[in-house]
Amino acid sequence: MTNEFRMSSQPSRRRLLTTAGVTLLLIAVTTLGGCERMPTMTSGETMRLLTAIRTACSARSSEHLEEVRQKVEDARQDQRLSDTEYEKLIEIIAIASAGEWEAAEQACFRFQKANSG
């Protein structure tokens, strides 16, 4: 009877270890996912551009998004954006351009929130 008990408890133990491992992995991914590094805004221009991107996203307007992209390019050329601000804005615009409107809106929100403290 002891051998039967050991044999039947092996799958349960394996399942328990697997579940624990998956749970730890999910916790790690969730925790690290919230640690996205956001650039520091150096001017009000960045906030205005983020607001324009969010507006384009909420309207699901590719045309408006393209206009905002051009404004981002112009601001970069005029040195009104840092390299990191420019890269982050272009990254968000690319997300929206791929049709991931809500994800782009959330990225704008996180960027704004990271800089509002």
PDB file of N, CA and C in Angstrom:
ATOM      1  N   MET A   1       0.800  -1.177   0.000  1.00  0.00           N
ATOM      2  CA  MET A   1       0.000   0.000   0.000  1.00  0.00           C
ATOM      3  C   MET A   1       0.860   1.266   0.000  1.00  0.00           C
ATOM      4  N   THR A   2       2.004   1.202   0.614  1.00  0.00           N
ATOM      5  CA  THR A   2       2.904   2.347   0.652  1.00  0.00           C
ATOM      6  C   THR A   2       3.392   2.695  -0.748  1.00  0.00           C
ATOM      7  N   ASN A   3       3.737   1.666  -1.546  1.00  0.00           N
ATOM      8  CA  ASN A   3       4.170   1.909  -2.917  1.00  0.00           C
ATOM      9  C   ASN A   3       3.055   2.526  -3.747  1.00  0.00           C
ATOM     10  N   GLU A   4       1.829   2.050  -3.555  1.00  0.00           N
ATOM     11  CA  GLU A   4       0.708   2.617  -4.291  1.00  0.00           C
ATOM     12  C   GLU A   4       0.551   4.095  -3.959  1.00  0.00           C
ATOM     13  N   PHE A   5       0.664   4.428  -2.687  1.00  0.00           N
ATOM     14  CA  PHE A   5       0.525   5.817  -2.265  1.00  0.00           C
ATOM     15  C   PHE A   5       1.616   6.690  -2.891  1.00  0.00           C
ATOM     16  N   ARG A   6       2.854   6.202  -2.902  1.00  0.00           N
ATOM     17  CA  ARG A   6       3.964   6.949  -3.504  1.00  0.00           C
ATOM     18  C   ARG A   6       3.744   7.148  -4.985  1.00  0.00           C
ATOM     19  N   MET A   7       3.312   6.107  -5.668  1.00  0.00           N
ATOM     20  CA  MET A   7       3.117   6.196  -7.111  1.00  0.00           C
ATOM     21  C   MET A   7       1.989   7.167  -7.444  1.00  0.00           C
ATOM     22  N   SER A   8       0.919   7.156  -6.683  1.00  0.00           N
ATOM     23  CA  SER A   8      -0.196   8.043  -6.985  1.00  0.00           C
ATOM     24  C   SER A   8       0.114   9.492  -6.601  1.00  0.00           C
ATOM     25  N   SER A   9       1.028   9.703  -5.663  1.00  0.00           N
ATOM     26  CA  SER A   9       1.345  11.072  -5.258  1.00  0.00           C
ATOM     27  C   SER A   9       2.353  11.732  -6.199  1.00  0.00           C
ATOM     28  N   GLN A  10       3.067  10.978  -7.009  1.00  0.00           N
ATOM     29  CA  GLN A  10       4.050  11.554  -7.925  1.00  0.00           C
ATOM     30  C   GLN A  10       3.410  12.509  -8.936  1.00  0.00           C
ATOM     31  N   PRO A  11       2.328  12.113  -9.630  1.00  0.00           N
ATOM     32  CA  PRO A  11       1.725  13.064 -10.571  1.00  0.00           C
ATOM     33  C   PRO A  11       1.211  14.323  -9.864  1.00  0.00           C
ATOM     34  N   SER A  12       0.673  14.156  -8.659  1.00  0.00           N
ATOM     35  CA  SER A  12       0.179  15.317  -7.914  1.00  0.00           C
ATOM     36  C   SER A  12       1.328  16.253  -7.555  1.00  0.00           C
ATOM     37  N   ARG A  13       2.437  15.684  -7.147  1.00  0.00           N
ATOM     38  CA  ARG A  13       3.610  16.494  -6.794  1.00  0.00           C
ATOM     39  C   ARG A  13       4.142  17.210  -8.038  1.00  0.00           C
ATOM     40  N   ARG A  14       4.211  16.514  -9.144  1.00  0.00           N
ATOM     41  CA  ARG A  14       4.690  17.102 -10.392  1.00  0.00           C
ATOM     42  C   ARG A  14       3.752  18.236 -10.826  1.00  0.00           C
ATOM     43  N   ARG A  15       2.465  17.994 -10.721  1.00  0.00           N
ATOM     44  CA  ARG A  15       1.476  19.005 -11.085  1.00  0.00           C
ATOM     45  C   ARG A  15       1.614  20.228 -10.168  1.00  0.00           C
ATOM     46  N   LEU A  16       1.811  19.993  -8.898  1.00  0.00           N
ATOM     47  CA  LEU A  16       1.978  21.080  -7.938  1.00  0.00           C
ATOM     48  C   LEU A  16       3.220  21.909  -8.261  1.00  0.00           C
ATOM     49  N   LEU A  17       4.327  21.237  -8.558  1.00  0.00           N
ATOM     50  CA  LEU A  17       5.565  21.950  -8.902  1.00  0.00           C
ATOM     51  C   LEU A  17       5.404  22.731 -10.203  1.00  0.00           C
ATOM     52  N   THR A  18       4.735  22.135 -11.175  1.00  0.00           N
ATOM     53  CA  THR A  18       4.502  22.813 -12.450  1.00  0.00           C
ATOM     54  C   THR A  18       3.639  24.052 -12.233  1.00  0.00           C
ATOM     55  N   THR A  19       2.575  23.891 -11.472  1.00  0.00           N
ATOM     56  CA  THR A  19       1.689  25.021 -11.183  1.00  0.00           C
ATOM     57  C   THR A  19       2.441  26.125 -10.447  1.00  0.00           C
ATOM     58  N   ALA A  20       3.252  25.753  -9.481  1.00  0.00           N
ATOM     59  CA  ALA A  20       4.037  26.743  -8.736  1.00  0.00           C
ATOM     60  C   ALA A  20       5.008  27.468  -9.666  1.00  0.00           C
ATOM     61  N   GLY A  21       5.652  26.717 -10.555  1.00  0.00           N
ATOM     62  CA  GLY A  21       6.596  27.321 -11.494  1.00  0.00           C
ATOM     63  C   GLY A  21       5.917  28.295 -12.440  1.00  0.00           C
ATOM     64  N   VAL A  22       4.773  27.895 -12.970  1.00  0.00           N
ATOM     65  CA  VAL A  22       4.025  28.769 -13.876  1.00  0.00           C
ATOM     66  C   VAL A  22       3.561  30.024 -13.138  1.00  0.00           C
ATOM     67  N   THR A  23       3.106  29.857 -11.926  1.00  0.00           N
ATOM     68  CA  THR A  23       2.662  31.003 -11.124  1.00  0.00           C
ATOM     69  C   THR A  23       3.807  31.987 -10.890  1.00  0.00           C
ATOM     70  N   LEU A  24       4.971  31.473 -10.528  1.00  0.00           N
ATOM     71  CA  LEU A  24       6.132  32.351 -10.320  1.00  0.00           C
ATOM     72  C   LEU A  24       6.526  33.069 -11.602  1.00  0.00           C
ATOM     73  N   LEU A  25       6.460  32.361 -12.717  1.00  0.00           N
ATOM     74  CA  LEU A  25       6.781  32.966 -14.005  1.00  0.00           C
ATOM     75  C   LEU A  25       5.803  34.093 -14.321  1.00  0.00           C
ATOM     76  N   LEU A  26       4.519  33.856 -14.110  1.00  0.00           N
ATOM     77  CA  LEU A  26       3.521  34.894 -14.363  1.00  0.00           C
ATOM     78  C   LEU A  26       3.726  36.108 -13.466  1.00  0.00           C
ATOM     79  N   ILE A  27       4.055  35.869 -12.226  1.00  0.00           N
ATOM     80  CA  ILE A  27       4.319  36.984 -11.309  1.00  0.00           C
ATOM     81  C   ILE A  27       5.523  37.794 -11.795  1.00  0.00           C
ATOM     82  N   ALA A  28       6.572  37.102 -12.214  1.00  0.00           N
ATOM     83  CA  ALA A  28       7.775  37.789 -12.701  1.00  0.00           C
ATOM     84  C   ALA A  28       7.468  38.614 -13.947  1.00  0.00           C
ATOM     85  N   VAL A  29       6.739  38.028 -14.893  1.00  0.00           N
ATOM     86  CA  VAL A  29       6.410  38.729 -16.135  1.00  0.00           C
ATOM     87  C   VAL A  29       5.531  39.940 -15.839  1.00  0.00           C
ATOM     88  N   THR A  30       4.550  39.760 -14.985  1.00  0.00           N
ATOM     89  CA  THR A  30       3.657  40.859 -14.629  1.00  0.00           C
ATOM     90  C   THR A  30       4.421  41.982 -13.936  1.00  0.00           C
ATOM     91  N   THR A  31       5.281  41.635 -13.031  1.00  0.00           N
ATOM     92  CA  THR A  31       6.054  42.638 -12.301  1.00  0.00           C
ATOM     93  C   THR A  31       7.009  43.370 -13.228  1.00  0.00           C
ATOM     94  N   LEU A  32       7.730  42.637 -14.044  1.00  0.00           N
ATOM     95  CA  LEU A  32       8.690  43.266 -14.947  1.00  0.00           C
ATOM     96  C   LEU A  32       7.991  44.043 -16.044  1.00  0.00           C
ATOM     97  N   GLY A  33       6.811  43.606 -16.436  1.00  0.00           N
ATOM     98  CA  GLY A  33       6.056  44.307 -17.462  1.00  0.00           C
ATOM     99  C   GLY A  33       5.710  45.725 -17.048  1.00  0.00           C
ATOM    100  N   GLY A  34       5.554  45.950 -15.765  1.00  0.00           N
ATOM    101  CA  GLY A  34       5.241  47.274 -15.264  1.00  0.00           C
ATOM    102  C   GLY A  34       6.462  48.155 -15.085  1.00  0.00           C
ATOM    103  N   CYS A  35       7.631  47.660 -15.400  1.00  0.00           N
ATOM    104  CA  CYS A  35       8.871  48.405 -15.188  1.00  0.00           C
ATOM    105  C   CYS A  35       9.395  49.031 -16.466  1.00  0.00           C
ATOM    106  N   GLU A  36       8.500  49.278 -17.401  1.00  0.00           N
ATOM    107  CA  GLU A  36       8.917  49.889 -18.656  1.00  0.00           C
ATOM    108  C   GLU A  36       9.513  51.256 -18.355  1.00  0.00           C
ATOM    109  N   ARG A  37      10.657  51.519 -18.926  1.00  0.00           N
ATOM    110  CA  ARG A  37      11.347  52.768 -18.668  1.00  0.00           C
ATOM    111  C   ARG A  37      10.822  53.834 -19.621  1.00  0.00           C
ATOM    112  N   MET A  38      10.361  54.920 -19.072  1.00  0.00           N
ATOM    113  CA  MET A  38       9.832  56.019 -19.872  1.00  0.00           C
ATOM    114  C   MET A  38      10.817  57.180 -19.832  1.00  0.00           C
ATOM    115  N   PRO A  39      11.015  57.822 -20.989  1.00  0.00           N
ATOM    116  CA  PRO A  39      11.905  58.979 -20.995  1.00  0.00           C
ATOM    117  C   PRO A  39      11.278  60.144 -20.235  1.00  0.00           C
ATOM    118  N   THR A  40      12.117  61.015 -19.741  1.00  0.00           N
ATOM    119  CA  THR A  40      11.650  62.214 -19.056  1.00  0.00           C
ATOM    120  C   THR A  40      11.295  63.260 -20.101  1.00  0.00           C
ATOM    121  N   MET A  41      10.142  63.878 -19.934  1.00  0.00           N
ATOM    122  CA  MET A  41       9.741  64.934 -20.866  1.00  0.00           C
ATOM    123  C   MET A  41      10.550  66.184 -20.565  1.00  0.00           C
ATOM    124  N   THR A  42      11.090  66.766 -21.621  1.00  0.00           N
ATOM    125  CA  THR A  42      11.909  67.962 -21.441  1.00  0.00           C
ATOM    126  C   THR A  42      11.159  69.239 -21.782  1.00  0.00           C
ATOM    127  N   SER A  43       9.960  69.107 -22.370  1.00  0.00           N
ATOM    128  CA  SER A  43       9.203  70.302 -22.745  1.00  0.00           C
ATOM    129  C   SER A  43       7.713  69.990 -22.803  1.00  0.00           C
ATOM    130  N   GLY A  44       6.932  71.055 -22.850  1.00  0.00           N
ATOM    131  CA  GLY A  44       5.490  70.906 -23.018  1.00  0.00           C
ATOM    132  C   GLY A  44       5.140  70.367 -24.392  1.00  0.00           C
ATOM    133  N   GLU A  45       6.070  70.488 -25.318  1.00  0.00           N
ATOM    134  CA  GLU A  45       5.851  69.989 -26.683  1.00  0.00           C
ATOM    135  C   GLU A  45       5.555  68.494 -26.670  1.00  0.00           C
ATOM    136  N   THR A  46       6.279  67.765 -25.863  1.00  0.00           N
ATOM    137  CA  THR A  46       6.077  66.319 -25.788  1.00  0.00           C
ATOM    138  C   THR A  46       4.675  66.003 -25.284  1.00  0.00           C
ATOM    139  N   MET A  47       4.215  66.716 -24.274  1.00  0.00           N
ATOM    140  CA  MET A  47       2.870  66.500 -23.737  1.00  0.00           C
ATOM    141  C   MET A  47       1.815  66.821 -24.796  1.00  0.00           C
ATOM    142  N   ARG A  48       2.021  67.895 -25.542  1.00  0.00           N
ATOM    143  CA  ARG A  48       1.069  68.247 -26.605  1.00  0.00           C
ATOM    144  C   ARG A  48       1.022  67.162 -27.677  1.00  0.00           C
ATOM    145  N   LEU A  49       2.182  66.633 -28.033  1.00  0.00           N
ATOM    146  CA  LEU A  49       2.223  65.582 -29.052  1.00  0.00           C
ATOM    147  C   LEU A  49       1.581  64.291 -28.543  1.00  0.00           C
ATOM    148  N   LEU A  50       1.815  63.964 -27.285  1.00  0.00           N
ATOM    149  CA  LEU A  50       1.170  62.780 -26.700  1.00  0.00           C
ATOM    150  C   LEU A  50      -0.349  62.928 -26.709  1.00  0.00           C
ATOM    151  N   THR A  51      -0.818  64.114 -26.378  1.00  0.00           N
ATOM    152  CA  THR A  51      -2.260  64.365 -26.394  1.00  0.00           C
ATOM    153  C   THR A  51      -2.807  64.212 -27.808  1.00  0.00           C
ATOM    154  N   ALA A  52      -2.075  64.699 -28.788  1.00  0.00           N
ATOM    155  CA  ALA A  52      -2.502  64.568 -30.187  1.00  0.00           C
ATOM    156  C   ALA A  52      -2.525  63.101 -30.625  1.00  0.00           C
ATOM    157  N   ILE A  53      -1.538  62.331 -30.183  1.00  0.00           N
ATOM    158  CA  ILE A  53      -1.517  60.897 -30.511  1.00  0.00           C
ATOM    159  C   ILE A  53      -2.720  60.211 -29.868  1.00  0.00           C
ATOM    160  N   ARG A  54      -2.989  60.523 -28.613  1.00  0.00           N
ATOM    161  CA  ARG A  54      -4.146  59.919 -27.926  1.00  0.00           C
ATOM    162  C   ARG A  54      -5.449  60.271 -28.632  1.00  0.00           C
ATOM    163  N   THR A  55      -5.556  61.510 -29.106  1.00  0.00           N
ATOM    164  CA  THR A  55      -6.757  61.926 -29.832  1.00  0.00           C
ATOM    165  C   THR A  55      -6.902  61.120 -31.118  1.00  0.00           C
ATOM    166  N   ALA A  56      -5.812  60.965 -31.854  1.00  0.00           N
ATOM    167  CA  ALA A  56      -5.845  60.171 -33.092  1.00  0.00           C
ATOM    168  C   ALA A  56      -6.222  58.726 -32.796  1.00  0.00           C
ATOM    169  N   CYS A  57      -5.706  58.204 -31.692  1.00  0.00           N
ATOM    170  CA  CYS A  57      -6.006  56.816 -31.315  1.00  0.00           C
ATOM    171  C   CYS A  57      -7.469  56.648 -30.929  1.00  0.00           C
ATOM    172  N   SER A  58      -7.989  57.572 -30.137  1.00  0.00           N
ATOM    173  CA  SER A  58      -9.381  57.433 -29.704  1.00  0.00           C
ATOM    174  C   SER A  58     -10.333  57.590 -30.886  1.00  0.00           C
ATOM    175  N   ALA A  59      -9.936  58.380 -31.891  1.00  0.00           N
ATOM    176  CA  ALA A  59     -10.744  58.545 -33.101  1.00  0.00           C
ATOM    177  C   ALA A  59     -10.471  57.447 -34.131  1.00  0.00           C
ATOM    178  N   ARG A  60      -9.436  56.641 -33.868  1.00  0.00           N
ATOM    179  CA  ARG A  60      -9.022  55.589 -34.815  1.00  0.00           C
ATOM    180  C   ARG A  60      -8.772  56.192 -36.209  1.00  0.00           C
ATOM    181  N   SER A  61      -8.088  57.337 -36.197  1.00  0.00           N
ATOM    182  CA  SER A  61      -7.865  58.089 -37.425  1.00  0.00           C
ATOM    183  C   SER A  61      -6.419  57.975 -37.902  1.00  0.00           C
ATOM    184  N   SER A  62      -6.223  57.184 -38.941  1.00  0.00           N
ATOM    185  CA  SER A  62      -4.885  57.039 -39.529  1.00  0.00           C
ATOM    186  C   SER A  62      -4.411  58.360 -40.123  1.00  0.00           C
ATOM    187  N   GLU A  63      -5.357  59.121 -40.680  1.00  0.00           N
ATOM    188  CA  GLU A  63      -5.015  60.410 -41.280  1.00  0.00           C
ATOM    189  C   GLU A  63      -4.494  61.378 -40.211  1.00  0.00           C
ATOM    190  N   HIS A  64      -5.196  61.467 -39.109  1.00  0.00           N
ATOM    191  CA  HIS A  64      -4.758  62.350 -38.012  1.00  0.00           C
ATOM    192  C   HIS A  64      -3.429  61.858 -37.430  1.00  0.00           C
ATOM    193  N   LEU A  65      -3.289  60.544 -37.331  1.00  0.00           N
ATOM    194  CA  LEU A  65      -2.045  59.971 -36.804  1.00  0.00           C
ATOM    195  C   LEU A  65      -0.860  60.353 -37.689  1.00  0.00           C
ATOM    196  N   GLU A  66      -1.070  60.344 -39.005  1.00  0.00           N
ATOM    197  CA  GLU A  66       0.000  60.725 -39.932  1.00  0.00           C
ATOM    198  C   GLU A  66       0.368  62.197 -39.752  1.00  0.00           C
ATOM    199  N   GLU A  67      -0.631  63.041 -39.519  1.00  0.00           N
ATOM    200  CA  GLU A  67      -0.368  64.461 -39.265  1.00  0.00           C
ATOM    201  C   GLU A  67       0.468  64.636 -37.994  1.00  0.00           C
ATOM    202  N   VAL A  68       0.127  63.866 -36.977  1.00  0.00           N
ATOM    203  CA  VAL A  68       0.879  63.934 -35.718  1.00  0.00           C
ATOM    204  C   VAL A  68       2.303  63.431 -35.932  1.00  0.00           C
ATOM    205  N   ARG A  69       2.448  62.345 -36.701  1.00  0.00           N
ATOM    206  CA  ARG A  69       3.791  61.824 -36.986  1.00  0.00           C
ATOM    207  C   ARG A  69       4.652  62.910 -37.632  1.00  0.00           C
ATOM    208  N   GLN A  70       4.060  63.666 -38.557  1.00  0.00           N
ATOM    209  CA  GLN A  70       4.804  64.738 -39.217  1.00  0.00           C
ATOM    210  C   GLN A  70       5.183  65.834 -38.218  1.00  0.00           C
ATOM    211  N   LYS A  71       4.282  66.126 -37.281  1.00  0.00           N
ATOM    212  CA  LYS A  71       4.590  67.117 -36.245  1.00  0.00           C
ATOM    213  C   LYS A  71       5.731  66.633 -35.350  1.00  0.00           C
ATOM    214  N   VAL A  72       5.751  65.334 -35.065  1.00  0.00           N
ATOM    215  CA  VAL A  72       6.840  64.753 -34.265  1.00  0.00           C
ATOM    216  C   VAL A  72       8.161  64.897 -35.020  1.00  0.00           C
ATOM    217  N   GLU A  73       8.132  64.593 -36.316  1.00  0.00           N
ATOM    218  CA  GLU A  73       9.344  64.727 -37.145  1.00  0.00           C
ATOM    219  C   GLU A  73       9.821  66.182 -37.168  1.00  0.00           C
ATOM    220  N   ASP A  74       8.874  67.110 -37.328  1.00  0.00           N
ATOM    221  CA  ASP A  74       9.229  68.537 -37.346  1.00  0.00           C
ATOM    222  C   ASP A  74       9.830  68.975 -36.009  1.00  0.00           C
ATOM    223  N   ALA A  75       9.210  68.533 -34.921  1.00  0.00           N
ATOM    224  CA  ALA A  75       9.714  68.897 -33.587  1.00  0.00           C
ATOM    225  C   ALA A  75      11.117  68.339 -33.373  1.00  0.00           C
ATOM    226  N   ARG A  76      11.351  67.155 -33.872  1.00  0.00           N
ATOM    227  CA  ARG A  76      12.684  66.544 -33.737  1.00  0.00           C
ATOM    228  C   ARG A  76      13.712  67.338 -34.534  1.00  0.00           C
ATOM    229  N   GLN A  77      13.324  67.677 -35.761  1.00  0.00           N
ATOM    230  CA  GLN A  77      14.243  68.425 -36.622  1.00  0.00           C
ATOM    231  C   GLN A  77      14.565  69.794 -36.021  1.00  0.00           C
ATOM    232  N   ASP A  78      13.580  70.407 -35.370  1.00  0.00           N
ATOM    233  CA  ASP A  78      13.786  71.712 -34.733  1.00  0.00           C
ATOM    234  C   ASP A  78      14.404  71.586 -33.342  1.00  0.00           C
ATOM    235  N   GLN A  79      14.778  70.377 -32.962  1.00  0.00           N
ATOM    236  CA  GLN A  79      15.403  70.066 -31.671  1.00  0.00           C
ATOM    237  C   GLN A  79      14.519  70.447 -30.476  1.00  0.00           C
ATOM    238  N   ARG A  80      13.207  70.274 -30.651  1.00  0.00           N
ATOM    239  CA  ARG A  80      12.279  70.506 -29.546  1.00  0.00           C
ATOM    240  C   ARG A  80      11.992  69.217 -28.787  1.00  0.00           C
ATOM    241  N   LEU A  81      12.572  68.103 -29.249  1.00  0.00           N
ATOM    242  CA  LEU A  81      12.435  66.801 -28.588  1.00  0.00           C
ATOM    243  C   LEU A  81      13.812  66.200 -28.372  1.00  0.00           C
ATOM    244  N   SER A  82      13.976  65.522 -27.257  1.00  0.00           N
ATOM    245  CA  SER A  82      15.222  64.773 -27.042  1.00  0.00           C
ATOM    246  C   SER A  82      15.167  63.498 -27.880  1.00  0.00           C
ATOM    247  N   ASP A  83      16.301  62.840 -28.018  1.00  0.00           N
ATOM    248  CA  ASP A  83      16.333  61.572 -28.759  1.00  0.00           C
ATOM    249  C   ASP A  83      15.379  60.554 -28.157  1.00  0.00           C
ATOM    250  N   THR A  84      15.382  60.444 -26.834  1.00  0.00           N
ATOM    251  CA  THR A  84      14.533  59.429 -26.192  1.00  0.00           C
ATOM    252  C   THR A  84      13.054  59.769 -26.318  1.00  0.00           C
ATOM    253  N   GLU A  85      12.703  61.051 -26.226  1.00  0.00           N
ATOM    254  CA  GLU A  85      11.302  61.449 -26.423  1.00  0.00           C
ATOM    255  C   GLU A  85      10.861  61.112 -27.842  1.00  0.00           C
ATOM    256  N   TYR A  86      11.690  61.485 -28.797  1.00  0.00           N
ATOM    257  CA  TYR A  86      11.379  61.212 -30.204  1.00  0.00           C
ATOM    258  C   TYR A  86      11.177  59.714 -30.435  1.00  0.00           C
ATOM    259  N   GLU A  87      12.110  58.914 -29.951  1.00  0.00           N
ATOM    260  CA  GLU A  87      12.023  57.461 -30.151  1.00  0.00           C
ATOM    261  C   GLU A  87      10.758  56.886 -29.530  1.00  0.00           C
ATOM    262  N   LYS A  88      10.400  57.353 -28.341  1.00  0.00           N
ATOM    263  CA  LYS A  88       9.203  56.841 -27.669  1.00  0.00           C
ATOM    264  C   LYS A  88       7.943  57.248 -28.428  1.00  0.00           C
ATOM    265  N   LEU A  89       7.880  58.484 -28.876  1.00  0.00           N
ATOM    266  CA  LEU A  89       6.710  58.937 -29.632  1.00  0.00           C
ATOM    267  C   LEU A  89       6.562  58.162 -30.938  1.00  0.00           C
ATOM    268  N   ILE A  90       7.667  57.955 -31.636  1.00  0.00           N
ATOM    269  CA  ILE A  90       7.624  57.191 -32.889  1.00  0.00           C
ATOM    270  C   ILE A  90       7.220  55.745 -32.614  1.00  0.00           C
ATOM    271  N   GLU A  91       7.691  55.191 -31.517  1.00  0.00           N
ATOM    272  CA  GLU A  91       7.309  53.821 -31.132  1.00  0.00           C
ATOM    273  C   GLU A  91       5.794  53.728 -30.900  1.00  0.00           C
ATOM    274  N   ILE A  92       5.241  54.702 -30.211  1.00  0.00           N
ATOM    275  CA  ILE A  92       3.801  54.711 -29.945  1.00  0.00           C
ATOM    276  C   ILE A  92       3.019  54.876 -31.247  1.00  0.00           C
ATOM    277  N   ILE A  93       3.488  55.744 -32.119  1.00  0.00           N
ATOM    278  CA  ILE A  93       2.828  55.945 -33.413  1.00  0.00           C
ATOM    279  C   ILE A  93       2.866  54.654 -34.228  1.00  0.00           C
ATOM    280  N   ALA A  94       3.971  53.934 -34.175  1.00  0.00           N
ATOM    281  CA  ALA A  94       4.077  52.656 -34.898  1.00  0.00           C
ATOM    282  C   ALA A  94       3.061  51.640 -34.368  1.00  0.00           C
ATOM    283  N   ILE A  95       2.865  51.629 -33.065  1.00  0.00           N
ATOM    284  CA  ILE A  95       1.875  50.720 -32.465  1.00  0.00           C
ATOM    285  C   ILE A  95       0.488  51.057 -33.006  1.00  0.00           C
ATOM    286  N   ALA A  96       0.153  52.344 -33.011  1.00  0.00           N
ATOM    287  CA  ALA A  96      -1.152  52.770 -33.521  1.00  0.00           C
ATOM    288  C   ALA A  96      -1.280  52.483 -35.014  1.00  0.00           C
ATOM    289  N   SER A  97      -0.213  52.718 -35.760  1.00  0.00           N
ATOM    290  CA  SER A  97      -0.232  52.468 -37.207  1.00  0.00           C
ATOM    291  C   SER A  97      -0.488  51.006 -37.533  1.00  0.00           C
ATOM    292  N   ALA A  98      -0.103  50.134 -36.618  1.00  0.00           N
ATOM    293  CA  ALA A  98      -0.334  48.698 -36.808  1.00  0.00           C
ATOM    294  C   ALA A  98      -1.767  48.303 -36.434  1.00  0.00           C
ATOM    295  N   GLY A  99      -2.579  49.298 -36.067  1.00  0.00           N
ATOM    296  CA  GLY A  99      -3.966  49.020 -35.720  1.00  0.00           C
ATOM    297  C   GLY A  99      -4.189  48.698 -34.258  1.00  0.00           C
ATOM    298  N   GLU A 100      -3.138  48.815 -33.466  1.00  0.00           N
ATOM    299  CA  GLU A 100      -3.238  48.548 -32.024  1.00  0.00           C
ATOM    300  C   GLU A 100      -3.545  49.862 -31.303  1.00  0.00           C
ATOM    301  N   TRP A 101      -4.717  50.421 -31.603  1.00  0.00           N
ATOM    302  CA  TRP A 101      -5.093  51.737 -31.105  1.00  0.00           C
ATOM    303  C   TRP A 101      -5.105  51.809 -29.579  1.00  0.00           C
ATOM    304  N   GLU A 102      -5.737  50.821 -28.955  1.00  0.00           N
ATOM    305  CA  GLU A 102      -5.843  50.837 -27.488  1.00  0.00           C
ATOM    306  C   GLU A 102      -4.474  50.700 -26.825  1.00  0.00           C
ATOM    307  N   ALA A 103      -3.621  49.849 -27.380  1.00  0.00           N
ATOM    308  CA  ALA A 103      -2.274  49.679 -26.824  1.00  0.00           C
ATOM    309  C   ALA A 103      -1.483  50.984 -26.943  1.00  0.00           C
ATOM    310  N   ALA A 104      -1.646  51.676 -28.063  1.00  0.00           N
ATOM    311  CA  ALA A 104      -0.954  52.955 -28.255  1.00  0.00           C
ATOM    312  C   ALA A 104      -1.476  54.003 -27.272  1.00  0.00           C
ATOM    313  N   GLU A 105      -2.796  54.013 -27.084  1.00  0.00           N
ATOM    314  CA  GLU A 105      -3.383  54.946 -26.120  1.00  0.00           C
ATOM    315  C   GLU A 105      -2.856  54.692 -24.712  1.00  0.00           C
ATOM    316  N   GLN A 106      -2.761  53.417 -24.353  1.00  0.00           N
ATOM    317  CA  GLN A 106      -2.239  53.053 -23.032  1.00  0.00           C
ATOM    318  C   GLN A 106      -0.769  53.455 -22.893  1.00  0.00           C
ATOM    319  N   ALA A 107      -0.001  53.304 -23.964  1.00  0.00           N
ATOM    320  CA  ALA A 107       1.411  53.711 -23.934  1.00  0.00           C
ATOM    321  C   ALA A 107       1.523  55.224 -23.722  1.00  0.00           C
ATOM    322  N   CYS A 108       0.641  55.991 -24.370  1.00  0.00           N
ATOM    323  CA  CYS A 108       0.619  57.444 -24.153  1.00  0.00           C
ATOM    324  C   CYS A 108       0.308  57.752 -22.700  1.00  0.00           C
ATOM    325  N   PHE A 109      -0.701  57.075 -22.176  1.00  0.00           N
ATOM    326  CA  PHE A 109      -1.107  57.293 -20.788  1.00  0.00           C
ATOM    327  C   PHE A 109       0.043  56.989 -19.829  1.00  0.00           C
ATOM    328  N   ARG A 110       0.745  55.861 -20.055  1.00  0.00           N
ATOM    329  CA  ARG A 110       1.865  55.497 -19.173  1.00  0.00           C
ATOM    330  C   ARG A 110       2.987  56.532 -19.256  1.00  0.00           C
ATOM    331  N   PHE A 111       3.263  57.014 -20.460  1.00  0.00           N
ATOM    332  CA  PHE A 111       4.301  58.023 -20.658  1.00  0.00           C
ATOM    333  C   PHE A 111       3.925  59.299 -19.898  1.00  0.00           C
ATOM    334  N   GLN A 112       2.673  59.734 -20.060  1.00  0.00           N
ATOM    335  CA  GLN A 112       2.224  60.938 -19.368  1.00  0.00           C
ATOM    336  C   GLN A 112       2.248  60.745 -17.851  1.00  0.00           C
ATOM    337  N   LYS A 113       1.768  59.608 -17.400  1.00  0.00           N
ATOM    338  CA  LYS A 113       1.720  59.334 -15.962  1.00  0.00           C
ATOM    339  C   LYS A 113       3.129  59.293 -15.362  1.00  0.00           C
ATOM    340  N   ALA A 114       4.074  58.694 -16.088  1.00  0.00           N
ATOM    341  CA  ALA A 114       5.455  58.598 -15.599  1.00  0.00           C
ATOM    342  C   ALA A 114       6.092  59.976 -15.437  1.00  0.00           C
ATOM    343  N   ASN A 115       5.556  60.948 -16.146  1.00  0.00           N
ATOM    344  CA  ASN A 115       6.138  62.290 -16.105  1.00  0.00           C
ATOM    345  C   ASN A 115       5.291  63.310 -15.352  1.00  0.00           C
ATOM    346  N   SER A 116       4.227  62.853 -14.728  1.00  0.00           N
ATOM    347  CA  SER A 116       3.355  63.807 -14.040  1.00  0.00           C
ATOM    348  C   SER A 116       3.647  63.902 -12.548  1.00  0.00           C
ATOM    349  N   GLY A 117       4.576  63.074 -12.055  1.00  0.00           N
ATOM    350  CA  GLY A 117       4.848  63.035 -10.622  1.00  0.00           C
ATOM    351  C   GLY A 117       5.738  64.098 -10.185  1.00  0.00           C
TER     352      GLY A 117
END
